[in-house]
Amino acid sequence: MLHTWGQTLVAHPHLHGVMPGGGLSPDGTQWVPCRRDFFLPVRVLSRLFRRLFLQLLQAAYDAETLCLEGSLAPLQDRPTWTRALARLRQTDWVVYAKRPFAGPEQVLDYVGRYTHRVAISNDRLLDLDNGAVRFTYKDYRADPPQSPKTMTLAASEFIRRLLLHVLPAGFHRIRYYGFLGARHRREKLARCRQLLGTPTSAPPDAATAGTDDRDRVEALTGSSLRVCPACHHGEMIVIERLLPVSRAGFVNPDFLNVQRLGA
């Protein structure tokens, strides 16, 4: 899953990957688990990722699909580009892999919160005043962690940062591979559950079926739809929603009295 932003909306592209601790055998007759104390050689993984990434980066450069502007403009010169890539090949890339200390459920819950989020949520926006936007952010580098801080940006700079995270049309931010690939996911997941002896996903029970949607949103995102977005203290009670009128469906009644002229 591609994640492109940091807390202050600066460009911070990175990938989150969730991998199962095993997989189907080539003939699909067995579940092959990884070792309990070992998953992948991280050093080999980082070098492989570096090689594949730089290959694709070079291909994009050759196809002239990279936007090299501002401080990156010197890279438009091919010899300069070649030297820069050579330095990247000699740099140790960080590929971090760790086991889920709190179990797979915690990992899926964490990643699930970011699958369809945007760069900044409404509850972090404080105000717009005199052409400046004020919002809150967390400083993860602070030690010990501190309460959220406040940042003020010119509206134009805020919009510029926000647009950094609008992906091109048709771009897939989330991809699935292996037995989670879209083509045979249903059949392969059923086979995995069969080999592992795990039950299929059960429908919601009666206790959760009637749960308010606002409770589900708060559980998934941490943001409450019950709190008033204006004062952030009172309870928000929706009485009625005034939907926009579709102009395509509007007919001027005077038109109904116009008769067709001519053949």
C-alpha atoms as a PDB file:
ATOM      1  CA  MET A   1       0.000   0.000   0.000  1.00  0.00           C
ATOM      2  CA  LEU A   2       1.420   3.371  -1.036  1.00  0.00           C
ATOM      3  CA  HIS A   3       1.447   6.086   1.615  1.00  0.00           C
ATOM      4  CA  THR A   4       2.718   9.449   0.355  1.00  0.00           C
ATOM      5  CA  TRP A   5       2.340  11.963   3.183  1.00  0.00           C
ATOM      6  CA  GLY A   6       3.694  12.895   6.582  1.00  0.00           C
ATOM      7  CA  GLN A   7       1.876  14.702   9.378  1.00  0.00           C
ATOM      8  CA  THR A   8       2.720  18.126   7.917  1.00  0.00           C
ATOM      9  CA  LEU A   9       1.656  17.111   4.379  1.00  0.00           C
ATOM     10  CA  VAL A  10       5.203  17.061   3.027  1.00  0.00           C
ATOM     11  CA  ALA A  11       6.036  14.428   0.416  1.00  0.00           C
ATOM     12  CA  HIS A  12       7.016  11.286   2.301  1.00  0.00           C
ATOM     13  CA  PRO A  13       6.386   8.352  -0.063  1.00  0.00           C
ATOM     14  CA  HIS A  14       6.741   4.928   1.503  1.00  0.00           C
ATOM     15  CA  LEU A  15       5.152   1.509   1.225  1.00  0.00           C
ATOM     16  CA  HIS A  16       3.387  -0.628   3.790  1.00  0.00           C
ATOM     17  CA  GLY A  17       3.331  -4.344   3.040  1.00  0.00           C
ATOM     18  CA  VAL A  18       1.553  -7.093   4.942  1.00  0.00           C
ATOM     19  CA  MET A  19       2.803 -10.581   4.141  1.00  0.00           C
ATOM     20  CA  PRO A  20       1.432 -13.916   5.351  1.00  0.00           C
ATOM     21  CA  GLY A  21       3.691 -16.266   7.277  1.00  0.00           C
ATOM     22  CA  GLY A  22       3.414 -18.955   4.648  1.00  0.00           C
ATOM     23  CA  GLY A  23       1.741 -19.851   1.392  1.00  0.00           C
ATOM     24  CA  LEU A  24       0.294 -22.530  -0.834  1.00  0.00           C
ATOM     25  CA  SER A  25       2.582 -25.126  -2.359  1.00  0.00           C
ATOM     26  CA  PRO A  26       2.912 -24.907  -6.173  1.00  0.00           C
ATOM     27  CA  ASP A  27       0.385 -27.726  -6.632  1.00  0.00           C
ATOM     28  CA  GLY A  28      -1.993 -26.209  -4.077  1.00  0.00           C
ATOM     29  CA  THR A  29      -2.124 -29.330  -1.921  1.00  0.00           C
ATOM     30  CA  GLN A  30      -0.239 -28.032   1.136  1.00  0.00           C
ATOM     31  CA  TRP A  31       0.180 -24.949   3.268  1.00  0.00           C
ATOM     32  CA  VAL A  32       3.896 -24.214   3.630  1.00  0.00           C
ATOM     33  CA  PRO A  33       4.596 -22.111   6.758  1.00  0.00           C
ATOM     34  CA  CYS A  34       7.707 -20.031   7.318  1.00  0.00           C
ATOM     35  CA  ARG A  35      10.010 -20.766  10.230  1.00  0.00           C
ATOM     36  CA  ARG A  36       8.748 -19.499  13.559  1.00  0.00           C
ATOM     37  CA  ASP A  37      11.917 -17.486  14.256  1.00  0.00           C
ATOM     38  CA  PHE A  38      12.730 -16.402  10.687  1.00  0.00           C
ATOM     39  CA  PHE A  39      10.788 -14.926   7.800  1.00  0.00           C
ATOM     40  CA  LEU A  40      13.041 -13.286   5.216  1.00  0.00           C
ATOM     41  CA  PRO A  41      16.692 -12.163   5.056  1.00  0.00           C
ATOM     42  CA  VAL A  42      16.195  -8.412   5.485  1.00  0.00           C
ATOM     43  CA  ARG A  43      19.563  -7.471   3.983  1.00  0.00           C
ATOM     44  CA  VAL A  44      18.871  -9.490   0.836  1.00  0.00           C
ATOM     45  CA  LEU A  45      15.354  -8.066   0.685  1.00  0.00           C
ATOM     46  CA  SER A  46      16.632  -4.475   0.886  1.00  0.00           C
ATOM     47  CA  ARG A  47      19.163  -5.033  -1.907  1.00  0.00           C
ATOM     48  CA  LEU A  48      16.584  -6.734  -4.112  1.00  0.00           C
ATOM     49  CA  PHE A  49      14.103  -3.921  -3.550  1.00  0.00           C
ATOM     50  CA  ARG A  50      16.820  -1.352  -4.335  1.00  0.00           C
ATOM     51  CA  ARG A  51      17.733  -3.061  -7.604  1.00  0.00           C
ATOM     52  CA  LEU A  52      14.149  -3.431  -8.813  1.00  0.00           C
ATOM     53  CA  PHE A  53      13.223   0.122  -7.798  1.00  0.00           C
ATOM     54  CA  LEU A  54      16.202   1.668  -9.579  1.00  0.00           C
ATOM     55  CA  GLN A  55      15.512  -0.405 -12.691  1.00  0.00           C
ATOM     56  CA  LEU A  56      11.983   0.973 -12.878  1.00  0.00           C
ATOM     57  CA  LEU A  57      13.237   4.481 -12.118  1.00  0.00           C
ATOM     58  CA  GLN A  58      15.723   4.259 -14.995  1.00  0.00           C
ATOM     59  CA  ALA A  59      12.989   2.968 -17.309  1.00  0.00           C
ATOM     60  CA  ALA A  60      10.779   5.932 -16.380  1.00  0.00           C
ATOM     61  CA  TYR A  61      13.674   8.319 -17.057  1.00  0.00           C
ATOM     62  CA  ASP A  62      14.325   6.760 -20.459  1.00  0.00           C
ATOM     63  CA  ALA A  63      10.617   7.032 -21.292  1.00  0.00           C
ATOM     64  CA  GLU A  64      10.679  10.718 -20.231  1.00  0.00           C
ATOM     65  CA  THR A  65       7.784  10.237 -17.819  1.00  0.00           C
ATOM     66  CA  LEU A  66       9.570  11.683 -14.773  1.00  0.00           C
ATOM     67  CA  CYS A  67       8.829  15.265 -13.753  1.00  0.00           C
ATOM     68  CA  LEU A  68      12.241  16.680 -12.808  1.00  0.00           C
ATOM     69  CA  GLU A  69      11.669  20.271 -11.764  1.00  0.00           C
ATOM     70  CA  GLY A  70      12.900  22.648  -9.080  1.00  0.00           C
ATOM     71  CA  SER A  71      15.832  21.199  -7.157  1.00  0.00           C
ATOM     72  CA  LEU A  72      15.648  18.080  -9.362  1.00  0.00           C
ATOM     73  CA  ALA A  73      16.047  20.010 -12.620  1.00  0.00           C
ATOM     74  CA  PRO A  74      19.814  19.258 -12.895  1.00  0.00           C
ATOM     75  CA  LEU A  75      18.904  15.571 -13.238  1.00  0.00           C
ATOM     76  CA  GLN A  76      17.496  16.308 -16.690  1.00  0.00           C
ATOM     77  CA  ASP A  77      21.127  16.152 -17.821  1.00  0.00           C
ATOM     78  CA  ARG A  78      21.796  12.452 -18.489  1.00  0.00           C
ATOM     79  CA  PRO A  79      25.402  12.330 -17.148  1.00  0.00           C
ATOM     80  CA  THR A  80      24.211  13.998 -13.931  1.00  0.00           C
ATOM     81  CA  TRP A  81      21.350  11.491 -13.716  1.00  0.00           C
ATOM     82  CA  THR A  82      23.710   8.560 -14.241  1.00  0.00           C
ATOM     83  CA  ARG A  83      26.014   9.737 -11.446  1.00  0.00           C
ATOM     84  CA  ALA A  84      23.061  10.220  -9.082  1.00  0.00           C
ATOM     85  CA  LEU A  85      21.786   6.692  -9.750  1.00  0.00           C
ATOM     86  CA  ALA A  86      25.276   5.285  -9.213  1.00  0.00           C
ATOM     87  CA  ARG A  87      25.337   6.870  -5.749  1.00  0.00           C
ATOM     88  CA  LEU A  88      21.928   5.386  -4.945  1.00  0.00           C
ATOM     89  CA  ARG A  89      23.185   1.923  -5.878  1.00  0.00           C
ATOM     90  CA  GLN A  90      25.937   2.282  -3.279  1.00  0.00           C
ATOM     91  CA  THR A  91      23.559   3.470  -0.548  1.00  0.00           C
ATOM     92  CA  ASP A  92      22.090   1.048   1.988  1.00  0.00           C
ATOM     93  CA  TRP A  93      18.318   1.131   1.630  1.00  0.00           C
ATOM     94  CA  VAL A  94      16.088   0.703   4.669  1.00  0.00           C
ATOM     95  CA  VAL A  95      13.666  -2.208   4.420  1.00  0.00           C
ATOM     96  CA  TYR A  96      12.160  -2.873   7.827  1.00  0.00           C
ATOM     97  CA  ALA A  97      10.472  -6.179   8.605  1.00  0.00           C
ATOM     98  CA  LYS A  98       9.174  -7.192  11.997  1.00  0.00           C
ATOM     99  CA  ARG A  99       6.758  -9.700  13.402  1.00  0.00           C
ATOM    100  CA  PRO A 100       3.351  -8.505  14.650  1.00  0.00           C
ATOM    101  CA  PHE A 101       4.006  -8.337  18.391  1.00  0.00           C
ATOM    102  CA  ALA A 102       0.323  -7.850  19.201  1.00  0.00           C
ATOM    103  CA  GLY A 103      -0.853 -10.430  16.680  1.00  0.00           C
ATOM    104  CA  PRO A 104      -2.052 -10.212  13.068  1.00  0.00           C
ATOM    105  CA  GLU A 105      -5.340  -8.618  14.088  1.00  0.00           C
ATOM    106  CA  GLN A 106      -3.515  -5.531  15.365  1.00  0.00           C
ATOM    107  CA  VAL A 107      -1.521  -5.223  12.122  1.00  0.00           C
ATOM    108  CA  LEU A 108      -4.614  -5.482   9.948  1.00  0.00           C
ATOM    109  CA  ASP A 109      -6.417  -2.959  12.139  1.00  0.00           C
ATOM    110  CA  TYR A 110      -3.505  -0.497  11.821  1.00  0.00           C
ATOM    111  CA  VAL A 111      -3.122  -0.848   8.055  1.00  0.00           C
ATOM    112  CA  GLY A 112      -6.883  -0.867   7.547  1.00  0.00           C
ATOM    113  CA  ARG A 113      -7.103   2.643   8.980  1.00  0.00           C
ATOM    114  CA  TYR A 114      -5.010   4.005   6.103  1.00  0.00           C
ATOM    115  CA  THR A 115      -6.397   2.182   3.071  1.00  0.00           C
ATOM    116  CA  HIS A 116      -8.756   4.946   1.973  1.00  0.00           C
ATOM    117  CA  ARG A 117      -7.637   7.933   4.017  1.00  0.00           C
ATOM    118  CA  VAL A 118      -6.673  11.261   2.532  1.00  0.00           C
ATOM    119  CA  ALA A 119      -3.613  13.286   3.498  1.00  0.00           C
ATOM    120  CA  ILE A 120      -5.392  15.224   6.248  1.00  0.00           C
ATOM    121  CA  SER A 121      -8.729  14.700   7.979  1.00  0.00           C
ATOM    122  CA  ASN A 122     -11.233  17.446   8.716  1.00  0.00           C
ATOM    123  CA  ASP A 123     -10.840  17.121  12.477  1.00  0.00           C
ATOM    124  CA  ARG A 124      -7.201  18.297  12.193  1.00  0.00           C
ATOM    125  CA  LEU A 125      -8.187  21.539  10.441  1.00  0.00           C
ATOM    126  CA  LEU A 126      -8.564  24.344  12.973  1.00  0.00           C
ATOM    127  CA  ASP A 127      -9.336  27.470  10.966  1.00  0.00           C
ATOM    128  CA  LEU A 128      -8.765  29.550   7.835  1.00  0.00           C
ATOM    129  CA  ASP A 129      -7.962  33.171   8.661  1.00  0.00           C
ATOM    130  CA  ASN A 130      -6.402  35.952   6.573  1.00  0.00           C
ATOM    131  CA  GLY A 131      -5.322  33.540   3.865  1.00  0.00           C
ATOM    132  CA  ALA A 132      -3.629  31.139   6.304  1.00  0.00           C
ATOM    133  CA  VAL A 133      -4.633  27.597   7.256  1.00  0.00           C
ATOM    134  CA  ARG A 134      -4.001  26.350  10.792  1.00  0.00           C
ATOM    135  CA  PHE A 135      -4.000  22.627  11.566  1.00  0.00           C
ATOM    136  CA  THR A 136      -2.695  20.146  14.122  1.00  0.00           C
ATOM    137  CA  TYR A 137      -0.004  17.528  13.624  1.00  0.00           C
ATOM    138  CA  LYS A 138       1.919  14.963  15.651  1.00  0.00           C
ATOM    139  CA  ASP A 139       5.691  15.215  15.963  1.00  0.00           C
ATOM    140  CA  TYR A 140       6.789  11.584  15.965  1.00  0.00           C
ATOM    141  CA  ARG A 141      10.439  12.603  16.359  1.00  0.00           C
ATOM    142  CA  ALA A 142       9.833  14.168  19.757  1.00  0.00           C
ATOM    143  CA  ASP A 143      11.135  12.109  22.664  1.00  0.00           C
ATOM    144  CA  PRO A 144       9.109  11.606  24.720  1.00  0.00           C
ATOM    145  CA  PRO A 145       6.016  11.897  22.498  1.00  0.00           C
ATOM    146  CA  GLN A 146       4.192  15.175  22.967  1.00  0.00           C
ATOM    147  CA  SER A 147       0.627  16.318  22.503  1.00  0.00           C
ATOM    148  CA  PRO A 148      -0.358  17.471  19.000  1.00  0.00           C
ATOM    149  CA  LYS A 149       1.318  20.656  17.800  1.00  0.00           C
ATOM    150  CA  THR A 150      -0.111  23.421  15.624  1.00  0.00           C
ATOM    151  CA  MET A 151       1.182  24.532  12.228  1.00  0.00           C
ATOM    152  CA  THR A 152       0.111  27.547  10.166  1.00  0.00           C
ATOM    153  CA  LEU A 153       0.642  27.656   6.400  1.00  0.00           C
ATOM    154  CA  ALA A 154      -0.317  30.137   3.728  1.00  0.00           C
ATOM    155  CA  ALA A 155      -3.402  28.835   1.946  1.00  0.00           C
ATOM    156  CA  SER A 156      -1.472  28.523  -1.319  1.00  0.00           C
ATOM    157  CA  GLU A 157       1.252  26.450   0.366  1.00  0.00           C
ATOM    158  CA  PHE A 158      -1.341  24.279   2.114  1.00  0.00           C
ATOM    159  CA  ILE A 159      -3.053  23.572  -1.213  1.00  0.00           C
ATOM    160  CA  ARG A 160       0.303  22.881  -2.878  1.00  0.00           C
ATOM    161  CA  ARG A 161       1.195  20.318  -0.227  1.00  0.00           C
ATOM    162  CA  LEU A 162      -2.244  18.730  -0.359  1.00  0.00           C
ATOM    163  CA  LEU A 163      -2.085  18.332  -4.147  1.00  0.00           C
ATOM    164  CA  LEU A 164       1.224  16.469  -3.814  1.00  0.00           C
ATOM    165  CA  HIS A 165      -0.839  13.492  -2.667  1.00  0.00           C
ATOM    166  CA  VAL A 166      -3.470  13.476  -5.428  1.00  0.00           C
ATOM    167  CA  LEU A 167      -2.531  10.440  -7.478  1.00  0.00           C
ATOM    168  CA  PRO A 168      -2.872  10.260 -11.274  1.00  0.00           C
ATOM    169  CA  ALA A 169      -6.137   8.937 -12.666  1.00  0.00           C
ATOM    170  CA  GLY A 170      -6.141   5.152 -12.819  1.00  0.00           C
ATOM    171  CA  PHE A 171      -3.220   4.799 -10.409  1.00  0.00           C
ATOM    172  CA  HIS A 172      -3.594   1.794  -8.084  1.00  0.00           C
ATOM    173  CA  ARG A 173      -2.433   2.705  -4.582  1.00  0.00           C
ATOM    174  CA  ILE A 174      -3.148  -0.755  -3.189  1.00  0.00           C
ATOM    175  CA  ARG A 175      -2.069  -3.974  -4.869  1.00  0.00           C
ATOM    176  CA  TYR A 176      -2.514  -7.622  -3.950  1.00  0.00           C
ATOM    177  CA  TYR A 177      -0.321 -10.554  -4.877  1.00  0.00           C
ATOM    178  CA  GLY A 178      -0.136 -14.307  -4.445  1.00  0.00           C
ATOM    179  CA  PHE A 179      -3.264 -15.988  -3.149  1.00  0.00           C
ATOM    180  CA  LEU A 180      -4.683 -12.502  -2.490  1.00  0.00           C
ATOM    181  CA  GLY A 181      -4.459 -11.587  -6.182  1.00  0.00           C
ATOM    182  CA  ALA A 182      -7.862 -10.569  -7.532  1.00  0.00           C
ATOM    183  CA  ARG A 183      -8.070 -13.233 -10.240  1.00  0.00           C
ATOM    184  CA  HIS A 184      -8.252 -16.328  -7.990  1.00  0.00           C
ATOM    185  CA  ARG A 185      -8.588 -14.780  -4.538  1.00  0.00           C
ATOM    186  CA  ARG A 186     -11.882 -16.405  -3.577  1.00  0.00           C
ATOM    187  CA  GLU A 187     -10.818 -19.925  -4.547  1.00  0.00           C
ATOM    188  CA  LYS A 188      -7.326 -19.681  -3.071  1.00  0.00           C
ATOM    189  CA  LEU A 189      -8.482 -18.172   0.203  1.00  0.00           C
ATOM    190  CA  ALA A 190     -11.010 -20.972   0.566  1.00  0.00           C
ATOM    191  CA  ARG A 191      -8.222 -23.491  -0.092  1.00  0.00           C
ATOM    192  CA  CYS A 192      -5.952 -21.826   2.482  1.00  0.00           C
ATOM    193  CA  ARG A 193      -8.688 -21.945   5.119  1.00  0.00           C
ATOM    194  CA  GLN A 194      -9.345 -25.581   4.313  1.00  0.00           C
ATOM    195  CA  LEU A 195      -5.679 -26.560   4.684  1.00  0.00           C
ATOM    196  CA  LEU A 196      -5.278 -24.525   7.878  1.00  0.00           C
ATOM    197  CA  GLY A 197      -8.516 -25.811   9.347  1.00  0.00           C
ATOM    198  CA  THR A 198      -9.884 -22.321   9.962  1.00  0.00           C
ATOM    199  CA  PRO A 199     -13.572 -21.434   9.597  1.00  0.00           C
ATOM    200  CA  THR A 200     -14.833 -19.164   6.870  1.00  0.00           C
ATOM    201  CA  SER A 201     -15.735 -15.602   7.758  1.00  0.00           C
ATOM    202  CA  ALA A 202     -19.035 -15.581   9.600  1.00  0.00           C
ATOM    203  CA  PRO A 203     -21.675 -12.910   8.974  1.00  0.00           C
ATOM    204  CA  PRO A 204     -22.086 -10.255  11.690  1.00  0.00           C
ATOM    205  CA  ASP A 205     -23.943 -11.558  14.713  1.00  0.00           C
ATOM    206  CA  ALA A 206     -27.041  -9.966  16.119  1.00  0.00           C
ATOM    207  CA  ALA A 207     -25.004  -8.017  18.675  1.00  0.00           C
ATOM    208  CA  THR A 208     -23.082  -6.096  16.022  1.00  0.00           C
ATOM    209  CA  ALA A 209     -25.506  -6.136  13.094  1.00  0.00           C
ATOM    210  CA  GLY A 210     -27.448  -3.197  14.486  1.00  0.00           C
ATOM    211  CA  THR A 211     -24.427  -1.122  15.488  1.00  0.00           C
ATOM    212  CA  ASP A 212     -24.694   2.528  14.531  1.00  0.00           C
ATOM    213  CA  ASP A 213     -22.563   3.397  11.487  1.00  0.00           C
ATOM    214  CA  ARG A 214     -21.079   6.285  13.461  1.00  0.00           C
ATOM    215  CA  ASP A 215     -19.671   3.804  15.971  1.00  0.00           C
ATOM    216  CA  ARG A 216     -18.056   1.814  13.167  1.00  0.00           C
ATOM    217  CA  VAL A 217     -16.483   4.952  11.677  1.00  0.00           C
ATOM    218  CA  GLU A 218     -15.074   5.960  15.065  1.00  0.00           C
ATOM    219  CA  ALA A 219     -13.692   2.466  15.677  1.00  0.00           C
ATOM    220  CA  LEU A 220     -11.958   2.451  12.291  1.00  0.00           C
ATOM    221  CA  THR A 221     -10.724   6.035  12.061  1.00  0.00           C
ATOM    222  CA  GLY A 222     -10.600   7.326  15.615  1.00  0.00           C
ATOM    223  CA  SER A 223     -12.702  10.335  14.552  1.00  0.00           C
ATOM    224  CA  SER A 224     -16.161  10.822  16.004  1.00  0.00           C
ATOM    225  CA  LEU A 225     -19.115  11.796  13.837  1.00  0.00           C
ATOM    226  CA  ARG A 226     -21.061  12.639  16.999  1.00  0.00           C
ATOM    227  CA  VAL A 227     -18.908  15.633  17.984  1.00  0.00           C
ATOM    228  CA  CYS A 228     -19.923  19.020  16.596  1.00  0.00           C
ATOM    229  CA  PRO A 229     -17.389  20.011  13.908  1.00  0.00           C
ATOM    230  CA  ALA A 230     -17.800  23.706  14.824  1.00  0.00           C
ATOM    231  CA  CYS A 231     -17.195  23.800  18.594  1.00  0.00           C
ATOM    232  CA  HIS A 232     -15.672  20.294  18.979  1.00  0.00           C
ATOM    233  CA  HIS A 233     -17.531  19.885  22.278  1.00  0.00           C
ATOM    234  CA  GLY A 234     -21.258  19.600  21.730  1.00  0.00           C
ATOM    235  CA  GLU A 235     -23.035  16.597  20.241  1.00  0.00           C
ATOM    236  CA  MET A 236     -23.803  16.725  16.525  1.00  0.00           C
ATOM    237  CA  ILE A 237     -27.432  15.765  15.880  1.00  0.00           C
ATOM    238  CA  VAL A 238     -28.468  15.434  12.233  1.00  0.00           C
ATOM    239  CA  ILE A 239     -32.080  16.501  11.769  1.00  0.00           C
ATOM    240  CA  GLU A 240     -32.253  16.624   7.985  1.00  0.00           C
ATOM    241  CA  ARG A 241     -29.913  16.505   5.008  1.00  0.00           C
ATOM    242  CA  LEU A 242     -30.480  19.089   2.253  1.00  0.00           C
ATOM    243  CA  LEU A 243     -29.185  17.426  -0.879  1.00  0.00           C
ATOM    244  CA  PRO A 244     -28.222  19.470  -3.967  1.00  0.00           C
ATOM    245  CA  VAL A 245     -30.912  19.756  -6.624  1.00  0.00           C
ATOM    246  CA  SER A 246     -30.014  17.966  -9.837  1.00  0.00           C
ATOM    247  CA  ARG A 247     -30.311  20.480 -12.654  1.00  0.00           C
ATOM    248  CA  ALA A 248     -30.503  17.633 -15.141  1.00  0.00           C
ATOM    249  CA  GLY A 249     -33.774  16.535 -13.599  1.00  0.00           C
ATOM    250  CA  PHE A 250     -35.301  20.029 -13.422  1.00  0.00           C
ATOM    251  CA  VAL A 251     -37.988  20.926 -15.964  1.00  0.00           C
ATOM    252  CA  ASN A 252     -39.307  24.460 -16.251  1.00  0.00           C
ATOM    253  CA  PRO A 253     -43.116  24.120 -16.063  1.00  0.00           C
ATOM    254  CA  ASP A 254     -43.478  26.842 -18.723  1.00  0.00           C
ATOM    255  CA  PHE A 255     -41.837  24.473 -21.207  1.00  0.00           C
ATOM    256  CA  LEU A 256     -44.743  22.080 -20.814  1.00  0.00           C
ATOM    257  CA  ASN A 257     -47.069  24.648 -22.432  1.00  0.00           C
ATOM    258  CA  VAL A 258     -44.921  25.098 -25.541  1.00  0.00           C
ATOM    259  CA  GLN A 259     -46.355  23.330 -28.560  1.00  0.00           C
ATOM    260  CA  ARG A 260     -44.171  21.834 -31.228  1.00  0.00           C
ATOM    261  CA  LEU A 261     -44.189  23.900 -34.429  1.00  0.00           C
ATOM    262  CA  GLY A 262     -43.591  22.562 -37.886  1.00  0.00           C
ATOM    263  CA  ALA A 263     -43.233  19.046 -39.105  1.00  0.00           C
END
